[in-house]
Structure formats: structure tokens, C-alpha cells
Amino acid sequence: MDATGAYHRITVCLSAVSGIWILGMLLCSVPWFQRQMLYLHWVKIWWGFKLDRPETFGFLKSQVAPFRIATSDGERLYAWLIAPLGIYAKHIESFQKEKVGPFVDVKERLAFKLLAQDPEARLVIYFHGNTATIGQGRRTEEYRVLSSGASDKIFILTFDYRGFGHSTGTPTEAGCINDAIAVLEWALNEAHIPADRIVLLGHSLGTAVASAAAQYAINLDPPAQIAGVVTCAGFSDAKNAFLSYSVGGVLPVFAPLKFMPWLSAWLGRRVKDTWKSADRLAELVQKSKKIRVTMVHATGDIVMPFYQSNELFYRVVEAVSGHKMTREEIDKLKESIDLGDGGVVDSWTDGERIIRKEIVYHGGHDSIMKWTPVALAVVRSFDLPQASALV
């Protein structure tokens, strides 16, 4: 092949790739297509398992109580209430003898009764990321890890957003916020769990949903002062998430936009579901008297780069400080702890408002959720005895 022929082939290939990329950008300006990419709710991962039979996911008999939560706009969300192992062990015979079925009211389930009646019980509301369901293999492992920080106290409430799993509807930002509100209201008003015994934990997309739930709680009359919010692999808003996101962790589709500000601005104006987590968390800390917000992110995250959590940290700290601060000023005043191979922790304390960012040097976008920094962040948020010596 002569040089002219090779050059022609390369030109044709580059033109084809460019054409496909431009077509992709145009498609991304369409709200329907954006939502397919953002939520990926059509990706189902539960082969060989039954969501209504949690034992098929490795749980003990009756340890998980599946049930439905109705939203204000008529959707029905599918949820699991998971009893921690320590509680299960104390009541093992009762759990094993419990009669269950598809029409049993969750309030008649032992897991619910133990949560509602124990003044020492704590509840983590888990907001998962995009794709799959509450029963995705790694997520079921995460629930067990989270409870391990206090296996006689920490219950997990996890649910699928509308359009995911067995939940009805189609996901949108407004819809998923309605879902989050319905779940939080269920915990507060049906299970009667005091807000200061609730921690909201979100992963990836779930960090945005959790932030919206926290914003809603603090604006209730009177405010519902939750114990804390933990974000893992979070992002500041949907536009920045799109620009940073890599498909499968290997294909940064939107990276070229960083070198084309005009096209980036054009696409940003057309992002329908904006998910402005930084603004919502900023409002939360401004209105809270006591709150812990913890951001955990791995440097090895190739799906959502860790600098997104840096952005969240700076924005929330600025809100706590009450005045405009440069990042250089924040860096000078924040407290930092070098954990060696474990990473680095930055924190900002204002009375009983504590903002922490933990950048972990190992792990990835999904695997970080099963690592102990996340479980420790939950324990800290609850002010449990296990963390009494920790800030």
C-alpha cells in the first residue's frame, strides 16, 4: 500500500469516528437519550436470582423484608428492609419461624418491629447508582459490610428508583426525588425513626438522589435533622458528571468537550436532569445545626474521577464558612491527615457541622463501596460508641 492510500484510509477512519462522535453529541442534547445514558435503568442484572426471595442473594431466612412504598405521584417502589446480623443472631429462632408471603404487611415483619421498637437502632437509607437493581451482586455484599460497623444496631433500607427492578414508572430527576422523599417519609412517619438516627448513603448517581433527600429533610417544618450524608464516587452536578464520565471506565466519550468550551456550554444548557448536588449539600449544611457530610472517592475510579469529590468538598466547605473563600484559603485552613497507602483525609469543622473528604489511593468506582472507609463514615455519622474517639 502506497503512502497516499494509507493516508486516505486514515482520513476516512478519522472522518467516520468524528461523524459518529458528532452524532453522539447531538443525541445527547435529546432529553430521552440523556436519561437512557444517565440512568441505564434498562440494564437488568439479576439472572438466576429472585428479588422477592432475598435468600437467593445469600441472606438468612426472613433477614430481609421486601415491601412496597407508594410515592406521591402514584408510583410503587420496591424496597428491602435488612436486619443486621447481630440482631438476627439474638432473635434467630423468631426469624426462622416467621411466616412470610407476598401479601404480608411489612409492619408485621420481625425486621420492621425490631427496627421500630429499639431506641438504639439506626437506619442507613441506601441510594444505589445507575443500572441493575437493589439485588445486584456487589450491592448485596455492600449491605452486609455497612451493617458490620455495628451489627447489633445498623439496619439497611434499600430501594429501586422508578423504572428500576420491580419499581413502576420511568426515571427522571423530579421522579427520582419523589422516590427519595417517599422513602424518607416512610422511615420518619411509618417506621417512626427519629431523623438523628438516619444516615443517607449514596453511590455514584445515588449521591445526587441522597443529596436531594437531605435537602428536602432540612426544609421540612420543623426541619428533620438527619445524622449525616455519605457520598461515594459523587459528582457536583450532571453536566460535570457527563463531562467526566467514562463508559465502562475505558471510553471518555465527552472528554473532547473540555477543549471546546462553546460546545460544552451548548450541551450543558440542554442537560434536562441537572442534579445539582453541590448546591443541595451546600443548602443542607447552611441550614443544619449539626450534620456530618462525608465524601469518599478512590483515585483509581476511572468511571467518575475523584476530582469530582474535591469539587463537592470545596463547595460545601464554602457554604459552612458562610462567605466566599478561594480554594487556596480552604487548603490552608482545612485539617489534613496523611493515611499513607490508605489515602488522605481533609476535614473542616464548624461547631457540630463536620465536612470530611477521604480520597482512597486504592479501589475503583464500585469496589470502594465494600471498603472499610465507607462503613467507618457511617459509624462516625451515627456517633456510635465504636467511633466515640473519632472526629
Protein backbone atom coordinates (compact mmCIF):
# COMPACT_ATOMS: atom_id res chain seq x y z
CA MET A 1 0.00 0.00 0.00
CA ASP A 2 1.49 3.38 -1.01
CA ALA A 3 1.60 6.38 1.31
CA THR A 4 -1.31 8.08 -0.48
CA GLY A 5 -3.58 5.06 0.03
CA ALA A 6 -2.65 4.76 3.70
CA TYR A 7 -3.27 8.46 4.23
CA HIS A 8 -6.67 8.16 2.54
CA ARG A 9 -7.70 5.23 4.76
CA ILE A 10 -6.63 7.06 7.90
CA THR A 11 -8.55 10.16 6.81
CA VAL A 12 -11.68 8.12 6.13
CA CYS A 13 -11.43 6.40 9.54
CA LEU A 14 -10.94 9.69 11.36
CA SER A 15 -13.85 11.25 9.48
CA ALA A 16 -16.07 8.29 10.39
CA VAL A 17 -15.09 8.48 14.06
CA SER A 18 -15.65 12.23 14.08
CA GLY A 19 -19.03 11.82 12.41
CA ILE A 20 -20.11 9.22 14.96
CA TRP A 21 -18.92 11.42 17.83
CA ILE A 22 -20.77 14.47 16.48
CA LEU A 23 -23.90 12.35 16.07
CA GLY A 24 -23.47 11.19 19.66
CA MET A 25 -23.23 14.80 20.86
CA LEU A 26 -26.42 15.68 19.01
CA LEU A 27 -28.20 12.70 20.50
CA CYS A 28 -27.03 13.76 23.95
CA SER A 29 -28.92 17.02 23.53
CA VAL A 30 -32.16 15.00 23.42
CA PRO A 31 -33.65 14.52 26.94
CA TRP A 32 -34.81 10.94 26.25
CA PHE A 33 -31.33 9.87 25.15
CA GLN A 34 -29.69 11.68 28.06
CA ARG A 35 -31.83 9.74 30.50
CA GLN A 36 -31.04 6.42 28.85
CA MET A 37 -27.34 7.14 29.40
CA LEU A 38 -27.68 8.65 32.86
CA TYR A 39 -29.92 6.06 34.49
CA LEU A 40 -29.27 2.90 32.44
CA HIS A 41 -32.37 1.51 34.15
CA TRP A 42 -32.94 -0.80 31.20
CA VAL A 43 -29.81 -2.78 32.11
CA LYS A 44 -31.09 -5.69 34.22
CA ILE A 45 -28.60 -7.73 36.25
CA TRP A 46 -30.19 -10.38 38.45
CA TRP A 47 -30.03 -13.56 36.40
CA GLY A 48 -30.66 -16.68 38.47
CA PHE A 49 -31.97 -14.70 41.44
CA LYS A 50 -35.42 -13.65 42.66
CA LEU A 51 -35.86 -10.14 44.06
CA ASP A 52 -38.86 -11.33 46.06
CA ARG A 53 -36.80 -14.16 47.53
CA PRO A 54 -33.79 -12.41 49.16
CA GLU A 55 -32.41 -15.75 50.41
CA THR A 56 -31.33 -16.41 46.81
CA PHE A 57 -28.91 -13.49 47.25
CA GLY A 58 -27.27 -15.06 50.30
CA PHE A 59 -29.40 -13.62 53.11
CA LEU A 60 -30.75 -15.64 56.03
CA LYS A 61 -34.38 -16.65 56.22
CA SER A 62 -36.54 -13.58 56.88
CA GLN A 63 -33.47 -11.37 57.38
CA VAL A 64 -34.78 -9.23 54.53
CA ALA A 65 -38.35 -7.93 54.42
CA PRO A 66 -39.34 -6.98 50.84
CA PHE A 67 -42.16 -4.45 50.56
CA ARG A 68 -43.60 -1.58 48.53
CA ILE A 69 -43.51 2.17 49.17
CA ALA A 70 -46.02 4.40 47.37
CA THR A 71 -44.91 7.77 46.01
CA SER A 72 -46.95 10.98 45.96
CA ASP A 73 -47.36 10.74 42.17
CA GLY A 74 -48.70 7.21 42.10
CA GLU A 75 -45.63 5.01 41.57
CA ARG A 76 -44.83 1.94 43.66
CA LEU A 77 -41.23 1.41 44.70
CA TYR A 78 -39.76 -1.96 45.54
CA ALA A 79 -37.70 -1.96 48.74
CA TRP A 80 -35.81 -4.23 51.11
CA LEU A 81 -35.51 -3.70 54.87
CA ILE A 82 -32.46 -5.67 56.02
CA ALA A 83 -31.89 -6.68 59.65
CA PRO A 84 -28.23 -6.65 60.78
CA LEU A 85 -26.57 -9.94 61.63
CA GLY A 86 -26.16 -9.15 65.33
CA ILE A 87 -29.88 -8.50 65.73
CA TYR A 88 -30.68 -11.61 63.71
CA ALA A 89 -28.47 -13.75 65.95
CA LYS A 90 -30.25 -12.50 69.08
CA HIS A 91 -33.65 -13.41 67.62
CA ILE A 92 -32.65 -16.28 65.36
CA GLU A 93 -35.47 -18.64 66.32
CA SER A 94 -38.12 -15.99 65.80
CA PHE A 95 -36.69 -15.07 62.39
CA GLN A 96 -36.50 -18.70 61.29
CA LYS A 97 -40.07 -19.44 62.39
CA GLU A 98 -41.55 -16.30 60.86
CA LYS A 99 -44.34 -16.94 58.37
CA VAL A 100 -43.88 -14.80 55.30
CA GLY A 101 -45.60 -14.38 51.96
CA PRO A 102 -46.17 -11.88 49.17
CA PHE A 103 -49.11 -10.23 50.93
CA VAL A 104 -47.66 -9.87 54.43
CA ASP A 105 -47.63 -6.24 55.62
CA VAL A 106 -44.05 -5.11 56.29
CA LYS A 107 -45.20 -3.78 59.68
CA GLU A 108 -45.94 -7.38 60.65
CA ARG A 109 -42.41 -8.47 59.80
CA LEU A 110 -39.94 -9.04 62.62
CA ALA A 111 -37.26 -6.90 60.95
CA PHE A 112 -39.61 -3.91 60.99
CA LYS A 113 -40.71 -4.46 64.58
CA LEU A 114 -37.14 -4.68 65.84
CA LEU A 115 -36.19 -1.52 63.98
CA ALA A 116 -39.22 0.46 65.15
CA GLN A 117 -39.15 -0.69 68.78
CA ASP A 118 -35.43 -0.45 69.56
CA PRO A 119 -34.43 3.10 70.63
CA GLU A 120 -30.81 2.22 69.85
CA ALA A 121 -31.48 1.07 66.29
CA ARG A 122 -30.01 3.07 63.42
CA LEU A 123 -31.11 3.17 59.80
CA VAL A 124 -28.98 3.62 56.69
CA ILE A 125 -31.03 4.54 53.63
CA TYR A 126 -29.02 3.30 50.68
CA PHE A 127 -29.28 5.08 47.30
CA HIS A 128 -27.72 2.94 44.59
CA GLY A 129 -26.11 4.05 41.35
CA ASN A 130 -27.36 3.55 37.82
CA THR A 131 -28.06 0.17 36.18
CA ALA A 132 -29.43 -3.02 37.69
CA THR A 133 -31.35 -3.31 40.96
CA ILE A 134 -31.10 -3.49 44.74
CA GLY A 135 -30.20 -7.17 44.24
CA GLN A 136 -27.11 -6.64 42.08
CA GLY A 137 -24.46 -8.98 43.45
CA ARG A 138 -21.97 -6.42 44.72
CA ARG A 139 -24.73 -4.33 46.29
CA THR A 140 -25.89 -7.21 48.48
CA GLU A 141 -22.30 -7.52 49.68
CA GLU A 142 -22.24 -3.80 50.42
CA TYR A 143 -25.29 -4.03 52.67
CA ARG A 144 -23.54 -6.65 54.79
CA VAL A 145 -20.36 -4.57 55.02
CA LEU A 146 -22.28 -1.46 56.07
CA SER A 147 -24.01 -3.25 58.94
CA SER A 148 -20.70 -4.69 60.17
CA GLY A 149 -19.76 -1.39 61.80
CA ALA A 150 -22.41 -2.04 64.46
CA SER A 151 -24.03 -5.38 63.68
CA ASP A 152 -26.50 -5.06 66.55
CA LYS A 153 -27.77 -1.61 65.52
CA ILE A 154 -27.49 -0.72 61.84
CA PHE A 155 -30.46 -1.66 59.66
CA ILE A 156 -30.36 -1.06 55.90
CA LEU A 157 -33.25 0.28 53.84
CA THR A 158 -32.55 -0.03 50.12
CA PHE A 159 -34.90 0.54 47.23
CA ASP A 160 -35.10 0.74 43.46
CA TYR A 161 -35.94 4.06 41.85
CA ARG A 162 -38.89 4.18 39.48
CA GLY A 163 -38.18 2.19 36.33
CA PHE A 164 -35.58 0.01 38.06
CA GLY A 165 -36.21 -3.62 39.01
CA HIS A 166 -39.77 -4.18 40.25
CA SER A 167 -40.48 -0.45 40.75
CA THR A 168 -43.02 1.13 38.43
CA GLY A 169 -42.53 4.20 36.27
CA THR A 170 -39.68 5.79 34.32
CA PRO A 171 -36.76 7.66 35.93
CA THR A 172 -36.36 11.42 35.72
CA GLU A 173 -34.76 13.82 38.18
CA ALA A 174 -38.10 15.03 39.52
CA GLY A 175 -39.39 11.47 39.69
CA CYS A 176 -36.37 10.06 41.50
CA ILE A 177 -36.55 12.93 44.00
CA ASN A 178 -40.18 11.99 44.63
CA ASP A 179 -38.96 8.44 45.21
CA ALA A 180 -36.34 9.59 47.71
CA ILE A 181 -38.89 11.72 49.56
CA ALA A 182 -41.35 8.81 49.74
CA VAL A 183 -38.70 6.51 51.22
CA LEU A 184 -37.53 9.12 53.73
CA GLU A 185 -41.12 9.89 54.72
CA TRP A 186 -41.74 6.17 55.21
CA ALA A 187 -38.77 5.95 57.59
CA LEU A 188 -39.84 9.06 59.53
CA ASN A 189 -43.61 8.59 59.63
CA GLU A 190 -44.27 4.87 59.18
CA ALA A 191 -41.29 3.35 60.96
CA HIS A 192 -41.12 6.40 63.29
CA ILE A 193 -37.32 6.54 63.20
CA PRO A 194 -36.05 9.89 64.54
CA ALA A 195 -34.13 11.83 61.89
CA ASP A 196 -30.96 11.86 64.00
CA ARG A 197 -30.86 8.07 63.75
CA ILE A 198 -30.87 8.12 59.95
CA VAL A 199 -27.88 8.33 57.60
CA LEU A 200 -28.28 8.75 53.85
CA LEU A 201 -25.67 6.85 51.84
CA GLY A 202 -25.37 7.29 48.09
CA HIS A 203 -23.14 5.75 45.43
CA SER A 204 -22.46 7.46 42.09
CA LEU A 205 -25.88 8.55 40.74
CA GLY A 206 -27.26 7.74 44.20
CA THR A 207 -25.18 10.56 45.70
CA ALA A 208 -27.32 13.03 43.75
CA VAL A 209 -30.56 11.39 44.89
CA ALA A 210 -29.36 11.26 48.51
CA SER A 211 -28.39 14.95 48.37
CA ALA A 212 -31.89 15.85 47.18
CA ALA A 213 -33.42 13.80 50.01
CA ALA A 214 -31.21 15.57 52.56
CA GLN A 215 -32.20 18.97 51.16
CA TYR A 216 -35.86 18.02 51.46
CA ALA A 217 -35.41 16.88 55.08
CA ILE A 218 -33.78 20.09 56.26
CA ASN A 219 -36.55 22.18 54.67
CA LEU A 220 -39.37 20.41 56.49
CA ASP A 221 -41.25 22.33 59.17
CA PRO A 222 -39.84 21.60 61.65
CA PRO A 223 -36.58 20.52 59.95
CA ALA A 224 -35.71 16.82 60.03
CA GLN A 225 -32.08 16.93 61.18
CA ILE A 226 -30.61 13.69 59.85
CA ALA A 227 -27.39 12.37 61.33
CA GLY A 228 -25.37 12.55 58.15
CA VAL A 229 -24.86 12.10 54.43
CA VAL A 230 -22.16 9.87 52.95
CA THR A 231 -21.38 10.19 49.25
CA CYS A 232 -19.22 7.66 47.41
CA ALA A 233 -17.91 8.42 43.92
CA GLY A 234 -20.08 11.52 43.81
CA PHE A 235 -20.22 14.49 41.45
CA SER A 236 -21.10 18.17 41.70
CA ASP A 237 -23.81 18.24 39.02
CA ALA A 238 -24.97 16.27 35.98
CA LYS A 239 -23.13 18.43 33.44
CA ASN A 240 -19.80 17.83 35.17
CA ALA A 241 -20.68 14.17 35.57
CA PHE A 242 -21.28 13.83 31.82
CA LEU A 243 -18.02 15.61 31.00
CA SER A 244 -16.07 13.36 33.39
CA TYR A 245 -17.86 10.08 32.78
CA SER A 246 -16.16 7.15 31.00
CA VAL A 247 -18.33 4.42 29.52
CA GLY A 248 -17.28 1.15 31.13
CA GLY A 249 -14.39 3.05 32.65
CA VAL A 250 -12.48 2.99 29.36
CA LEU A 251 -14.23 5.32 26.92
CA PRO A 252 -14.33 9.00 27.99
CA VAL A 253 -16.92 9.98 25.39
CA PHE A 254 -17.26 13.62 26.45
CA ALA A 255 -13.60 14.36 27.24
CA PRO A 256 -13.03 16.33 23.99
CA LEU A 257 -15.66 18.84 25.11
CA LYS A 258 -13.20 20.16 27.69
CA PHE A 259 -11.25 21.64 24.78
CA MET A 260 -14.37 23.09 23.15
CA PRO A 261 -15.94 25.42 25.75
CA TRP A 262 -18.61 26.64 23.35
CA LEU A 263 -19.84 23.09 22.64
CA SER A 264 -19.59 22.18 26.33
CA ALA A 265 -21.73 25.22 27.21
CA TRP A 266 -24.22 24.35 24.46
CA LEU A 267 -24.62 20.79 25.72
CA GLY A 268 -24.75 21.98 29.35
CA ARG A 269 -27.74 24.19 28.58
CA ARG A 270 -29.54 21.17 27.20
CA VAL A 271 -28.98 18.83 30.14
CA LYS A 272 -32.52 18.22 31.33
CA ASP A 273 -31.83 16.45 34.64
CA THR A 274 -29.24 18.75 36.20
CA TRP A 275 -28.76 17.00 39.58
CA LYS A 276 -27.03 19.94 41.31
CA SER A 277 -25.69 18.03 44.29
CA ALA A 278 -23.17 20.67 45.32
CA ASP A 279 -25.91 23.29 45.66
CA ARG A 280 -28.16 20.90 47.60
CA LEU A 281 -25.46 19.84 50.05
CA ALA A 282 -24.44 23.48 50.49
CA GLU A 283 -28.01 24.37 51.47
CA LEU A 284 -28.12 21.38 53.83
CA VAL A 285 -25.05 22.43 55.82
CA GLN A 286 -26.07 26.10 55.87
CA LYS A 287 -29.40 25.25 57.49
CA SER A 288 -28.16 22.47 59.78
CA LYS A 289 -27.12 22.90 63.39
CA LYS A 290 -25.47 19.50 63.49
CA ILE A 291 -24.53 17.43 60.45
CA ARG A 292 -21.77 15.22 59.13
CA VAL A 293 -21.18 15.14 55.40
CA THR A 294 -18.54 12.68 54.24
CA MET A 295 -17.26 12.24 50.69
CA VAL A 296 -15.33 9.08 49.82
CA HIS A 297 -13.70 8.61 46.45
CA ALA A 298 -10.95 6.37 45.04
CA THR A 299 -8.11 7.73 42.92
CA GLY A 300 -8.47 4.54 40.87
CA ASP A 301 -12.02 5.45 39.88
CA ILE A 302 -11.92 5.51 36.08
CA VAL A 303 -15.69 5.91 35.70
CA MET A 304 -16.12 9.12 37.74
CA PRO A 305 -12.76 10.82 38.52
CA PHE A 306 -12.04 11.63 42.15
CA TYR A 307 -11.65 15.35 41.50
CA GLN A 308 -15.44 15.48 41.38
CA SER A 309 -15.47 14.88 45.15
CA ASN A 310 -12.84 17.58 45.54
CA GLU A 311 -15.29 19.97 43.87
CA LEU A 312 -18.06 18.87 46.23
CA PHE A 313 -15.82 19.38 49.26
CA TYR A 314 -14.83 22.93 48.32
CA ARG A 315 -18.40 23.95 47.58
CA VAL A 316 -19.78 22.54 50.83
CA VAL A 317 -16.97 23.98 52.98
CA GLU A 318 -17.56 27.39 51.45
CA ALA A 319 -21.22 27.08 52.47
CA VAL A 320 -20.25 26.16 56.05
CA SER A 321 -17.82 29.07 56.32
CA GLY A 322 -20.58 31.48 55.35
CA HIS A 323 -18.51 33.59 52.99
CA LYS A 324 -16.72 33.33 49.67
CA MET A 325 -13.36 31.60 50.02
CA THR A 326 -10.76 30.69 47.45
CA ARG A 327 -9.66 27.09 47.28
CA GLU A 328 -6.19 28.16 48.34
CA GLU A 329 -7.65 29.66 51.53
CA ILE A 330 -9.61 26.48 52.23
CA ASP A 331 -6.50 24.37 51.67
CA LYS A 332 -4.58 26.45 54.22
CA LEU A 333 -7.28 26.22 56.89
CA LYS A 334 -8.55 22.67 56.48
CA GLU A 335 -7.23 19.79 58.62
CA SER A 336 -5.44 17.05 56.69
CA ILE A 337 -4.38 13.57 57.74
CA ASP A 338 -1.99 11.51 55.64
CA LEU A 339 -3.00 7.84 55.90
CA GLY A 340 -0.07 6.55 53.88
CA ASP A 341 -1.26 3.84 51.48
CA GLY A 342 -4.74 4.36 52.88
CA GLY A 343 -5.08 7.80 51.28
CA VAL A 344 -5.63 11.28 52.66
CA VAL A 345 -8.44 12.81 54.72
CA ASP A 346 -9.35 16.50 54.62
CA SER A 347 -11.84 17.88 57.15
CA TRP A 348 -13.49 21.13 58.07
CA THR A 349 -15.22 21.60 61.42
CA ASP A 350 -17.61 24.36 62.37
CA GLY A 351 -19.18 23.59 65.75
CA GLU A 352 -21.20 20.41 65.24
CA ARG A 353 -21.03 20.61 61.48
CA ILE A 354 -18.24 18.42 60.12
CA ILE A 355 -17.33 18.06 56.45
CA ARG A 356 -14.89 15.28 55.55
CA LYS A 357 -13.37 14.17 52.27
CA GLU A 358 -11.50 10.88 52.13
CA ILE A 359 -9.54 10.16 48.98
CA VAL A 360 -8.55 6.50 48.97
CA TYR A 361 -5.45 5.53 46.99
CA HIS A 362 -6.75 2.10 46.01
CA GLY A 363 -10.02 0.64 44.80
CA GLY A 364 -12.32 1.66 41.98
CA HIS A 365 -15.71 3.15 41.24
CA ASP A 366 -17.68 0.16 42.50
CA SER A 367 -15.23 -1.69 44.74
CA ILE A 368 -14.80 1.30 47.07
CA MET A 369 -18.31 0.69 48.40
CA LYS A 370 -17.17 -2.53 50.07
CA TRP A 371 -14.10 -0.95 51.63
CA THR A 372 -13.99 -0.03 55.30
CA PRO A 373 -13.70 3.78 54.90
CA VAL A 374 -17.35 3.81 53.84
CA ALA A 375 -18.52 1.70 56.79
CA LEU A 376 -16.45 3.88 59.13
CA ALA A 377 -18.04 7.03 57.67
CA VAL A 378 -21.46 5.59 58.54
CA VAL A 379 -20.41 4.76 62.11
CA ARG A 380 -18.97 8.25 62.54
CA SER A 381 -22.14 9.85 61.26
CA PHE A 382 -24.18 8.00 63.87
CA ASP A 383 -21.80 8.96 66.71
CA LEU A 384 -21.81 5.32 67.76
CA PRO A 385 -19.54 4.18 70.63
CA GLN A 386 -17.29 2.45 68.11
CA ALA A 387 -16.37 5.91 66.85
CA SER A 388 -16.55 7.86 70.09
CA ALA A 389 -12.86 8.74 69.99
CA LEU A 390 -13.03 9.81 66.36
CA VAL A 391 -13.98 13.17 64.89
